[in-house]
Amino acid sequence: MSAPDPSAPPTSSVPVCPRHPDRVSYVRCQRCERPACAECQRPAAVGVHCVDCVREAARTAPVRRTVFGAPVRGGRPVVTLTLIGLCVASYVLQWVVGLAWTSALVFQPAIASIEPWRYFTGGFLHSTQGYLAFTHLGFNMYVLWVLGRELEVALGRWRMAALFLVSVLGGHVMVTMLTGVTTDWFQGVLGASGGVFGLFGAIVVVLRRMRRSASGVVGVIALNAVIGFVVPNIAWEAHLGGLLVGLLLGSAYAFAPRDRRAFVGVGATALVTVVLVVLAVVRTALA
């Protein structure tokens, strides 16, 4: 008669989680069949997957893209909300800090030649006086929200950010180019209108690329063009500059060949920016 040897190793081991060897688990991953503890389990269509298999599947899964090549993302429009947040925060500081905040950031052709960051910072300020005290910010933020979130989904985050910022630059460069003809060299210009009109220009191209009607947007642009000439204290030059930049960059982003979208997008953004900088430098040198 034989008896089991208590010193002999067990014929089978208790299944433990590979990531947490101190935890026993009888639940196995449906893909790799390894044990997975409660912390490492992820619900799947059938059974569960371990975190390692989920991570590997996410890494190798094909990226869904829009018709313009932007990755399809869920959640909030981060760039659009960030731009709105910066404008609103700056507006609050204009009221709290007073004229000092506005004076330090407002765009003026004479000062921007030695403080070039004003070509951008002026786009995050808005009027705090007269009938424009709240309508200026309100209109720009409304349009930025409506158009910005759509363009951010269609074009992607970096192209949306570039479109707005370069359009702001383009609007202020147009003001500089026309200084002495329509404005004074020391005239202050503020507002996100250049960037907003850049979005107007880009959305027209995007809609045309998708073979959808852009007549409504064109009508809004025409109406604002009329308002810019009729209502005083509106920098229509900034509107025009931003609109032209939006049309140019929107065309580059929307009609770039599928296999060269990144190259064309970066190249067009850089080229338009360089041209705007050269124009501003030459115009300033001739002043």
C-alpha atoms as a PDB file:
ATOM      1  CA  MET A   1       0.000   0.000   0.000  1.00  0.00           C
ATOM      2  CA  SER A   2       1.461   3.371  -0.962  1.00  0.00           C
ATOM      3  CA  ALA A   3       0.900   6.785   0.587  1.00  0.00           C
ATOM      4  CA  PRO A   4       1.489  10.295  -0.900  1.00  0.00           C
ATOM      5  CA  ASP A   5       4.794  11.912  -0.079  1.00  0.00           C
ATOM      6  CA  PRO A   6       4.026  15.236   1.680  1.00  0.00           C
ATOM      7  CA  SER A   7       7.375  16.664   0.561  1.00  0.00           C
ATOM      8  CA  ALA A   8       6.634  16.147  -3.164  1.00  0.00           C
ATOM      9  CA  PRO A   9       5.729  19.287  -5.232  1.00  0.00           C
ATOM     10  CA  PRO A  10       2.069  19.679  -6.187  1.00  0.00           C
ATOM     11  CA  THR A  11       1.076  18.333  -9.571  1.00  0.00           C
ATOM     12  CA  SER A  12      -0.775  21.579 -10.478  1.00  0.00           C
ATOM     13  CA  SER A  13      -0.228  25.196  -9.435  1.00  0.00           C
ATOM     14  CA  VAL A  14      -2.868  27.732  -8.452  1.00  0.00           C
ATOM     15  CA  PRO A  15      -3.440  30.247 -11.296  1.00  0.00           C
ATOM     16  CA  VAL A  16      -2.180  33.734 -10.438  1.00  0.00           C
ATOM     17  CA  CYS A  17      -2.299  37.025 -12.303  1.00  0.00           C
ATOM     18  CA  PRO A  18       0.992  37.634 -14.200  1.00  0.00           C
ATOM     19  CA  ARG A  19       0.897  41.324 -13.300  1.00  0.00           C
ATOM     20  CA  HIS A  20       0.034  40.663  -9.651  1.00  0.00           C
ATOM     21  CA  PRO A  21       1.543  37.264  -8.671  1.00  0.00           C
ATOM     22  CA  ASP A  22       0.122  37.557  -5.155  1.00  0.00           C
ATOM     23  CA  ARG A  23      -3.458  37.390  -6.474  1.00  0.00           C
ATOM     24  CA  VAL A  24      -5.182  34.152  -7.380  1.00  0.00           C
ATOM     25  CA  SER A  25      -7.461  34.330 -10.415  1.00  0.00           C
ATOM     26  CA  TYR A  26      -9.484  31.627 -12.130  1.00  0.00           C
ATOM     27  CA  VAL A  27     -10.656  34.090 -14.793  1.00  0.00           C
ATOM     28  CA  ARG A  28      -8.615  34.015 -17.988  1.00  0.00           C
ATOM     29  CA  CYS A  29      -8.207  36.501 -20.812  1.00  0.00           C
ATOM     30  CA  GLN A  30     -10.108  35.432 -23.931  1.00  0.00           C
ATOM     31  CA  ARG A  31      -7.180  36.422 -26.168  1.00  0.00           C
ATOM     32  CA  CYS A  32      -3.976  35.275 -24.450  1.00  0.00           C
ATOM     33  CA  GLU A  33      -5.655  32.843 -21.986  1.00  0.00           C
ATOM     34  CA  ARG A  34      -3.553  34.071 -19.093  1.00  0.00           C
ATOM     35  CA  PRO A  35      -5.158  34.579 -15.669  1.00  0.00           C
ATOM     36  CA  ALA A  36      -6.301  38.121 -14.965  1.00  0.00           C
ATOM     37  CA  CYS A  37      -7.199  39.472 -11.552  1.00  0.00           C
ATOM     38  CA  ALA A  38     -10.115  41.827 -11.034  1.00  0.00           C
ATOM     39  CA  GLU A  39      -7.870  44.890 -11.443  1.00  0.00           C
ATOM     40  CA  CYS A  40      -6.469  43.663 -14.771  1.00  0.00           C
ATOM     41  CA  GLN A  41      -9.760  42.519 -16.304  1.00  0.00           C
ATOM     42  CA  ARG A  42     -11.434  44.570 -19.023  1.00  0.00           C
ATOM     43  CA  PRO A  43     -14.960  43.699 -20.258  1.00  0.00           C
ATOM     44  CA  ALA A  44     -15.074  42.392 -23.832  1.00  0.00           C
ATOM     45  CA  ALA A  45     -17.840  41.326 -26.204  1.00  0.00           C
ATOM     46  CA  VAL A  46     -17.307  37.777 -24.945  1.00  0.00           C
ATOM     47  CA  GLY A  47     -15.719  37.289 -21.543  1.00  0.00           C
ATOM     48  CA  VAL A  48     -12.883  39.581 -20.511  1.00  0.00           C
ATOM     49  CA  HIS A  49      -9.515  40.715 -21.852  1.00  0.00           C
ATOM     50  CA  CYS A  50      -6.441  41.534 -19.833  1.00  0.00           C
ATOM     51  CA  VAL A  51      -5.009  45.059 -19.839  1.00  0.00           C
ATOM     52  CA  ASP A  52      -1.987  43.981 -21.896  1.00  0.00           C
ATOM     53  CA  CYS A  53      -4.153  42.612 -24.714  1.00  0.00           C
ATOM     54  CA  VAL A  54      -6.379  45.689 -24.645  1.00  0.00           C
ATOM     55  CA  ARG A  55      -3.331  47.957 -24.917  1.00  0.00           C
ATOM     56  CA  GLU A  56      -1.874  45.916 -27.772  1.00  0.00           C
ATOM     57  CA  ALA A  57      -5.172  45.926 -29.634  1.00  0.00           C
ATOM     58  CA  ALA A  58      -5.429  49.711 -29.290  1.00  0.00           C
ATOM     59  CA  ARG A  59      -1.868  50.140 -30.559  1.00  0.00           C
ATOM     60  CA  THR A  60      -2.366  48.004 -33.653  1.00  0.00           C
ATOM     61  CA  ALA A  61      -5.940  49.028 -34.486  1.00  0.00           C
ATOM     62  CA  PRO A  62      -6.292  51.189 -37.632  1.00  0.00           C
ATOM     63  CA  VAL A  63      -6.869  54.892 -36.935  1.00  0.00           C
ATOM     64  CA  ARG A  64     -10.233  56.166 -38.123  1.00  0.00           C
ATOM     65  CA  ARG A  65      -9.865  59.426 -40.042  1.00  0.00           C
ATOM     66  CA  THR A  66     -12.108  62.107 -41.466  1.00  0.00           C
ATOM     67  CA  VAL A  67     -12.285  62.867 -45.185  1.00  0.00           C
ATOM     68  CA  PHE A  68      -9.534  65.451 -44.593  1.00  0.00           C
ATOM     69  CA  GLY A  69      -7.224  63.002 -42.835  1.00  0.00           C
ATOM     70  CA  ALA A  70      -7.772  64.100 -39.233  1.00  0.00           C
ATOM     71  CA  PRO A  71      -8.003  61.330 -36.626  1.00  0.00           C
ATOM     72  CA  VAL A  72     -11.548  60.792 -35.405  1.00  0.00           C
ATOM     73  CA  ARG A  73     -11.672  61.712 -31.727  1.00  0.00           C
ATOM     74  CA  GLY A  74     -14.488  61.701 -29.260  1.00  0.00           C
ATOM     75  CA  GLY A  75     -14.925  64.159 -26.448  1.00  0.00           C
ATOM     76  CA  ARG A  76     -14.745  67.914 -26.367  1.00  0.00           C
ATOM     77  CA  PRO A  77     -13.116  70.229 -28.954  1.00  0.00           C
ATOM     78  CA  VAL A  78     -10.005  70.950 -26.907  1.00  0.00           C
ATOM     79  CA  VAL A  79      -8.441  73.594 -29.169  1.00  0.00           C
ATOM     80  CA  THR A  80     -11.671  75.542 -29.629  1.00  0.00           C
ATOM     81  CA  LEU A  81     -12.416  75.564 -25.905  1.00  0.00           C
ATOM     82  CA  THR A  82      -8.822  76.595 -25.141  1.00  0.00           C
ATOM     83  CA  LEU A  83      -8.994  79.560 -27.527  1.00  0.00           C
ATOM     84  CA  ILE A  84     -12.342  80.643 -26.071  1.00  0.00           C
ATOM     85  CA  GLY A  85     -10.972  80.253 -22.561  1.00  0.00           C
ATOM     86  CA  LEU A  86      -7.943  82.417 -23.347  1.00  0.00           C
ATOM     87  CA  CYS A  87     -10.124  85.159 -24.851  1.00  0.00           C
ATOM     88  CA  VAL A  88     -12.532  85.144 -21.908  1.00  0.00           C
ATOM     89  CA  ALA A  89      -9.701  85.077 -19.349  1.00  0.00           C
ATOM     90  CA  SER A  90      -7.990  87.963 -21.104  1.00  0.00           C
ATOM     91  CA  TYR A  91     -11.272  89.897 -21.175  1.00  0.00           C
ATOM     92  CA  VAL A  92     -11.696  89.425 -17.424  1.00  0.00           C
ATOM     93  CA  LEU A  93      -8.138  90.684 -16.881  1.00  0.00           C
ATOM     94  CA  GLN A  94      -8.924  93.729 -19.013  1.00  0.00           C
ATOM     95  CA  TRP A  95     -11.624  94.614 -16.492  1.00  0.00           C
ATOM     96  CA  VAL A  96      -9.672  93.616 -13.380  1.00  0.00           C
ATOM     97  CA  VAL A  97      -6.205  94.931 -14.259  1.00  0.00           C
ATOM     98  CA  GLY A  98      -7.502  97.782 -16.354  1.00  0.00           C
ATOM     99  CA  LEU A  99      -5.790  99.640 -19.157  1.00  0.00           C
ATOM    100  CA  ALA A 100      -2.377  98.209 -18.270  1.00  0.00           C
ATOM    101  CA  TRP A 101      -3.329  94.728 -19.516  1.00  0.00           C
ATOM    102  CA  THR A 102      -4.791  96.013 -22.763  1.00  0.00           C
ATOM    103  CA  SER A 103      -1.894  98.400 -23.409  1.00  0.00           C
ATOM    104  CA  ALA A 104       0.646  95.634 -22.929  1.00  0.00           C
ATOM    105  CA  LEU A 105      -0.959  93.315 -25.512  1.00  0.00           C
ATOM    106  CA  VAL A 106      -2.967  95.413 -27.983  1.00  0.00           C
ATOM    107  CA  PHE A 107      -1.810  95.446 -31.589  1.00  0.00           C
ATOM    108  CA  GLN A 108      -0.386  98.711 -32.896  1.00  0.00           C
ATOM    109  CA  PRO A 109       1.674  98.766 -36.110  1.00  0.00           C
ATOM    110  CA  ALA A 110       4.202 101.211 -34.648  1.00  0.00           C
ATOM    111  CA  ILE A 111       4.812  99.163 -31.487  1.00  0.00           C
ATOM    112  CA  ALA A 112       4.450  95.703 -33.037  1.00  0.00           C
ATOM    113  CA  SER A 113       7.557  96.352 -35.139  1.00  0.00           C
ATOM    114  CA  ILE A 114       9.633  96.099 -31.943  1.00  0.00           C
ATOM    115  CA  GLU A 115       7.230  93.847 -29.987  1.00  0.00           C
ATOM    116  CA  PRO A 116       6.158  91.317 -32.654  1.00  0.00           C
ATOM    117  CA  TRP A 117       4.166  89.136 -30.243  1.00  0.00           C
ATOM    118  CA  ARG A 118       1.436  91.783 -30.440  1.00  0.00           C
ATOM    119  CA  TYR A 119       0.555  90.404 -33.877  1.00  0.00           C
ATOM    120  CA  PHE A 120      -0.931  87.465 -31.942  1.00  0.00           C
ATOM    121  CA  THR A 121      -1.811  88.797 -28.486  1.00  0.00           C
ATOM    122  CA  GLY A 122      -4.050  91.507 -29.923  1.00  0.00           C
ATOM    123  CA  GLY A 123      -6.334  88.724 -31.121  1.00  0.00           C
ATOM    124  CA  PHE A 124      -7.140  87.722 -27.531  1.00  0.00           C
ATOM    125  CA  LEU A 125      -8.302  91.177 -26.427  1.00  0.00           C
ATOM    126  CA  HIS A 126     -11.764  92.688 -26.933  1.00  0.00           C
ATOM    127  CA  SER A 127     -13.383  96.065 -26.525  1.00  0.00           C
ATOM    128  CA  THR A 128     -14.576  97.049 -23.045  1.00  0.00           C
ATOM    129  CA  GLN A 129     -16.066 100.387 -24.035  1.00  0.00           C
ATOM    130  CA  GLY A 130     -19.241 101.663 -25.645  1.00  0.00           C
ATOM    131  CA  TYR A 131     -21.705  99.501 -27.538  1.00  0.00           C
ATOM    132  CA  LEU A 132     -18.964  96.949 -28.249  1.00  0.00           C
ATOM    133  CA  ALA A 133     -18.302  96.281 -24.563  1.00  0.00           C
ATOM    134  CA  PHE A 134     -19.966  92.863 -24.602  1.00  0.00           C
ATOM    135  CA  THR A 135     -21.163  92.309 -28.166  1.00  0.00           C
ATOM    136  CA  HIS A 136     -17.589  92.282 -29.487  1.00  0.00           C
ATOM    137  CA  LEU A 137     -16.526  89.367 -27.312  1.00  0.00           C
ATOM    138  CA  GLY A 138     -19.914  87.665 -27.488  1.00  0.00           C
ATOM    139  CA  PHE A 139     -20.137  87.579 -31.275  1.00  0.00           C
ATOM    140  CA  ASN A 140     -16.555  86.399 -31.756  1.00  0.00           C
ATOM    141  CA  MET A 141     -16.840  83.665 -29.139  1.00  0.00           C
ATOM    142  CA  TYR A 142     -20.144  82.465 -30.552  1.00  0.00           C
ATOM    143  CA  VAL A 143     -18.731  82.137 -34.067  1.00  0.00           C
ATOM    144  CA  LEU A 144     -15.532  80.590 -32.726  1.00  0.00           C
ATOM    145  CA  TRP A 145     -17.605  77.951 -30.924  1.00  0.00           C
ATOM    146  CA  VAL A 146     -19.920  77.202 -33.858  1.00  0.00           C
ATOM    147  CA  LEU A 147     -17.250  77.046 -36.578  1.00  0.00           C
ATOM    148  CA  GLY A 148     -14.286  76.052 -34.438  1.00  0.00           C
ATOM    149  CA  ARG A 149     -15.691  72.781 -33.163  1.00  0.00           C
ATOM    150  CA  GLU A 150     -16.745  71.748 -36.688  1.00  0.00           C
ATOM    151  CA  LEU A 151     -13.363  72.573 -38.211  1.00  0.00           C
ATOM    152  CA  GLU A 152     -11.520  70.932 -35.324  1.00  0.00           C
ATOM    153  CA  VAL A 153     -13.364  67.675 -35.986  1.00  0.00           C
ATOM    154  CA  ALA A 154     -12.876  67.893 -39.757  1.00  0.00           C
ATOM    155  CA  LEU A 155      -9.285  69.155 -39.918  1.00  0.00           C
ATOM    156  CA  GLY A 156      -7.858  68.024 -36.595  1.00  0.00           C
ATOM    157  CA  ARG A 157      -6.454  69.884 -33.638  1.00  0.00           C
ATOM    158  CA  TRP A 158      -3.152  71.197 -34.933  1.00  0.00           C
ATOM    159  CA  ARG A 159      -4.609  72.481 -38.185  1.00  0.00           C
ATOM    160  CA  MET A 160      -7.447  74.185 -36.324  1.00  0.00           C
ATOM    161  CA  ALA A 161      -4.982  75.922 -33.998  1.00  0.00           C
ATOM    162  CA  ALA A 162      -2.724  76.929 -36.897  1.00  0.00           C
ATOM    163  CA  LEU A 163      -5.677  78.206 -38.908  1.00  0.00           C
ATOM    164  CA  PHE A 164      -6.864  80.502 -36.130  1.00  0.00           C
ATOM    165  CA  LEU A 165      -3.451  81.834 -35.104  1.00  0.00           C
ATOM    166  CA  VAL A 166      -2.142  82.453 -38.624  1.00  0.00           C
ATOM    167  CA  SER A 167      -5.445  84.148 -39.507  1.00  0.00           C
ATOM    168  CA  VAL A 168      -5.003  86.477 -36.525  1.00  0.00           C
ATOM    169  CA  LEU A 169      -1.516  87.218 -37.820  1.00  0.00           C
ATOM    170  CA  GLY A 170      -2.866  87.776 -41.326  1.00  0.00           C
ATOM    171  CA  GLY A 171      -5.501  90.183 -40.077  1.00  0.00           C
ATOM    172  CA  HIS A 172      -2.958  92.327 -38.277  1.00  0.00           C
ATOM    173  CA  VAL A 173      -0.544  92.222 -41.194  1.00  0.00           C
ATOM    174  CA  MET A 174      -3.331  93.536 -43.439  1.00  0.00           C
ATOM    175  CA  VAL A 175      -3.861  96.365 -40.963  1.00  0.00           C
ATOM    176  CA  THR A 176      -0.134  97.099 -41.167  1.00  0.00           C
ATOM    177  CA  MET A 177      -0.137  97.001 -44.958  1.00  0.00           C
ATOM    178  CA  LEU A 178      -3.005  99.503 -45.165  1.00  0.00           C
ATOM    179  CA  THR A 179      -1.709 101.761 -42.396  1.00  0.00           C
ATOM    180  CA  GLY A 180      -1.456 105.304 -43.680  1.00  0.00           C
ATOM    181  CA  VAL A 181      -4.294 104.669 -46.104  1.00  0.00           C
ATOM    182  CA  THR A 182      -7.175 103.627 -43.858  1.00  0.00           C
ATOM    183  CA  THR A 183      -5.689 103.700 -40.355  1.00  0.00           C
ATOM    184  CA  ASP A 184      -3.129 105.570 -38.297  1.00  0.00           C
ATOM    185  CA  TRP A 185       0.286 104.069 -37.539  1.00  0.00           C
ATOM    186  CA  PHE A 186      -0.446 104.312 -33.810  1.00  0.00           C
ATOM    187  CA  GLN A 187      -4.043 103.079 -34.005  1.00  0.00           C
ATOM    188  CA  GLY A 188      -4.732 100.206 -31.618  1.00  0.00           C
ATOM    189  CA  VAL A 189      -6.509  97.129 -32.985  1.00  0.00           C
ATOM    190  CA  LEU A 190      -7.906  94.339 -30.829  1.00  0.00           C
ATOM    191  CA  GLY A 191     -10.251  91.398 -31.177  1.00  0.00           C
ATOM    192  CA  ALA A 192     -10.344  87.817 -32.436  1.00  0.00           C
ATOM    193  CA  SER A 193     -12.114  88.893 -35.626  1.00  0.00           C
ATOM    194  CA  GLY A 194      -9.113  88.112 -37.837  1.00  0.00           C
ATOM    195  CA  GLY A 195      -9.051  84.550 -36.555  1.00  0.00           C
ATOM    196  CA  VAL A 196     -12.835  84.261 -36.762  1.00  0.00           C
ATOM    197  CA  PHE A 197     -12.866  85.403 -40.381  1.00  0.00           C
ATOM    198  CA  GLY A 198     -10.131  82.880 -41.053  1.00  0.00           C
ATOM    199  CA  LEU A 199     -12.563  80.227 -39.853  1.00  0.00           C
ATOM    200  CA  PHE A 200     -15.220  81.695 -42.153  1.00  0.00           C
ATOM    201  CA  GLY A 201     -12.866  81.369 -45.117  1.00  0.00           C
ATOM    202  CA  ALA A 202     -11.844  77.826 -44.241  1.00  0.00           C
ATOM    203  CA  ILE A 203     -15.391  76.578 -43.665  1.00  0.00           C
ATOM    204  CA  VAL A 204     -16.392  77.835 -47.114  1.00  0.00           C
ATOM    205  CA  VAL A 205     -13.616  75.746 -48.693  1.00  0.00           C
ATOM    206  CA  VAL A 206     -14.378  72.721 -46.524  1.00  0.00           C
ATOM    207  CA  LEU A 207     -18.062  72.820 -47.461  1.00  0.00           C
ATOM    208  CA  ARG A 208     -17.210  73.133 -51.138  1.00  0.00           C
ATOM    209  CA  ARG A 209     -14.801  70.213 -50.829  1.00  0.00           C
ATOM    210  CA  MET A 210     -17.631  68.147 -49.347  1.00  0.00           C
ATOM    211  CA  ARG A 211     -19.941  69.358 -52.142  1.00  0.00           C
ATOM    212  CA  ARG A 212     -22.243  71.090 -49.712  1.00  0.00           C
ATOM    213  CA  SER A 213     -23.732  74.549 -50.050  1.00  0.00           C
ATOM    214  CA  ALA A 214     -21.746  77.391 -48.491  1.00  0.00           C
ATOM    215  CA  SER A 215     -24.249  80.107 -49.420  1.00  0.00           C
ATOM    216  CA  GLY A 216     -25.274  80.679 -45.800  1.00  0.00           C
ATOM    217  CA  VAL A 217     -21.688  81.282 -44.689  1.00  0.00           C
ATOM    218  CA  VAL A 218     -21.011  83.506 -47.690  1.00  0.00           C
ATOM    219  CA  GLY A 219     -24.085  85.527 -46.772  1.00  0.00           C
ATOM    220  CA  VAL A 220     -22.816  86.027 -43.217  1.00  0.00           C
ATOM    221  CA  ILE A 221     -19.419  87.108 -44.561  1.00  0.00           C
ATOM    222  CA  ALA A 222     -21.054  89.611 -46.908  1.00  0.00           C
ATOM    223  CA  LEU A 223     -23.229  90.997 -44.111  1.00  0.00           C
ATOM    224  CA  ASN A 224     -20.222  91.481 -41.843  1.00  0.00           C
ATOM    225  CA  ALA A 225     -18.309  93.117 -44.679  1.00  0.00           C
ATOM    226  CA  VAL A 226     -21.073  95.690 -45.019  1.00  0.00           C
ATOM    227  CA  ILE A 227     -21.197  96.226 -41.244  1.00  0.00           C
ATOM    228  CA  GLY A 228     -17.429  96.750 -41.233  1.00  0.00           C
ATOM    229  CA  PHE A 229     -17.784  99.735 -43.553  1.00  0.00           C
ATOM    230  CA  VAL A 230     -20.985 101.177 -42.054  1.00  0.00           C
ATOM    231  CA  VAL A 231     -20.359 100.832 -38.307  1.00  0.00           C
ATOM    232  CA  PRO A 232     -17.448 102.900 -36.944  1.00  0.00           C
ATOM    233  CA  ASN A 233     -14.513 101.481 -34.963  1.00  0.00           C
ATOM    234  CA  ILE A 234     -14.497  98.119 -36.757  1.00  0.00           C
ATOM    235  CA  ALA A 235     -11.191  97.025 -38.268  1.00  0.00           C
ATOM    236  CA  TRP A 236     -12.418  95.635 -41.575  1.00  0.00           C
ATOM    237  CA  GLU A 237      -8.775  95.323 -42.655  1.00  0.00           C
ATOM    238  CA  ALA A 238      -8.277  92.612 -40.037  1.00  0.00           C
ATOM    239  CA  HIS A 239     -11.422  90.862 -41.281  1.00  0.00           C
ATOM    240  CA  LEU A 240     -10.107  90.919 -44.838  1.00  0.00           C
ATOM    241  CA  GLY A 241      -6.649  89.656 -43.915  1.00  0.00           C
ATOM    242  CA  GLY A 242      -8.022  86.831 -41.786  1.00  0.00           C
ATOM    243  CA  LEU A 243     -10.495  85.832 -44.486  1.00  0.00           C
ATOM    244  CA  LEU A 244      -7.789  85.601 -47.161  1.00  0.00           C
ATOM    245  CA  VAL A 245      -5.565  83.495 -44.905  1.00  0.00           C
ATOM    246  CA  GLY A 246      -8.498  81.223 -44.084  1.00  0.00           C
ATOM    247  CA  LEU A 247      -9.237  80.698 -47.767  1.00  0.00           C
ATOM    248  CA  LEU A 248      -5.590  79.887 -48.526  1.00  0.00           C
ATOM    249  CA  LEU A 249      -4.984  77.517 -45.620  1.00  0.00           C
ATOM    250  CA  GLY A 250      -8.435  75.989 -45.928  1.00  0.00           C
ATOM    251  CA  SER A 251      -7.719  75.162 -49.568  1.00  0.00           C
ATOM    252  CA  ALA A 252      -4.367  73.608 -48.688  1.00  0.00           C
ATOM    253  CA  TYR A 253      -5.843  71.526 -45.862  1.00  0.00           C
ATOM    254  CA  ALA A 254      -8.943  70.437 -47.778  1.00  0.00           C
ATOM    255  CA  PHE A 255      -7.476  69.630 -51.201  1.00  0.00           C
ATOM    256  CA  ALA A 256      -4.092  68.163 -50.229  1.00  0.00           C
ATOM    257  CA  PRO A 257      -3.404  64.726 -51.790  1.00  0.00           C
ATOM    258  CA  ARG A 258      -4.251  61.925 -49.392  1.00  0.00           C
ATOM    259  CA  ASP A 259      -0.690  60.593 -49.165  1.00  0.00           C
ATOM    260  CA  ARG A 260       0.847  64.073 -48.667  1.00  0.00           C
ATOM    261  CA  ARG A 261      -1.608  65.728 -46.293  1.00  0.00           C
ATOM    262  CA  ALA A 262       0.859  66.243 -43.468  1.00  0.00           C
ATOM    263  CA  PHE A 263       3.544  67.633 -45.782  1.00  0.00           C
ATOM    264  CA  VAL A 264       1.150  69.987 -47.567  1.00  0.00           C
ATOM    265  CA  GLY A 265      -0.490  71.094 -44.325  1.00  0.00           C
ATOM    266  CA  VAL A 266       2.771  71.927 -42.564  1.00  0.00           C
ATOM    267  CA  GLY A 267       4.306  73.394 -45.706  1.00  0.00           C
ATOM    268  CA  ALA A 268       1.339  75.646 -46.480  1.00  0.00           C
ATOM    269  CA  THR A 269       1.146  76.860 -42.888  1.00  0.00           C
ATOM    270  CA  ALA A 270       4.860  77.658 -42.825  1.00  0.00           C
ATOM    271  CA  LEU A 271       4.802  79.321 -46.259  1.00  0.00           C
ATOM    272  CA  VAL A 272       1.838  81.580 -45.481  1.00  0.00           C
ATOM    273  CA  THR A 273       3.393  82.529 -42.133  1.00  0.00           C
ATOM    274  CA  VAL A 274       6.726  83.408 -43.744  1.00  0.00           C
ATOM    275  CA  VAL A 275       5.033  85.501 -46.436  1.00  0.00           C
ATOM    276  CA  LEU A 276       3.060  87.404 -43.795  1.00  0.00           C
ATOM    277  CA  VAL A 277       6.186  88.059 -41.740  1.00  0.00           C
ATOM    278  CA  VAL A 278       8.069  89.327 -44.813  1.00  0.00           C
ATOM    279  CA  LEU A 279       5.188  91.635 -45.731  1.00  0.00           C
ATOM    280  CA  ALA A 280       5.079  93.060 -42.206  1.00  0.00           C
ATOM    281  CA  VAL A 281       8.842  93.576 -42.092  1.00  0.00           C
ATOM    282  CA  VAL A 282       8.974  95.278 -45.489  1.00  0.00           C
ATOM    283  CA  ARG A 283       6.001  97.521 -44.731  1.00  0.00           C
ATOM    284  CA  THR A 284       7.479  98.502 -41.370  1.00  0.00           C
ATOM    285  CA  ALA A 285      10.846  99.294 -42.971  1.00  0.00           C
ATOM    286  CA  LEU A 286       9.126 101.615 -45.452  1.00  0.00           C
ATOM    287  CA  ALA A 287       7.188 103.478 -42.766  1.00  0.00           C
END
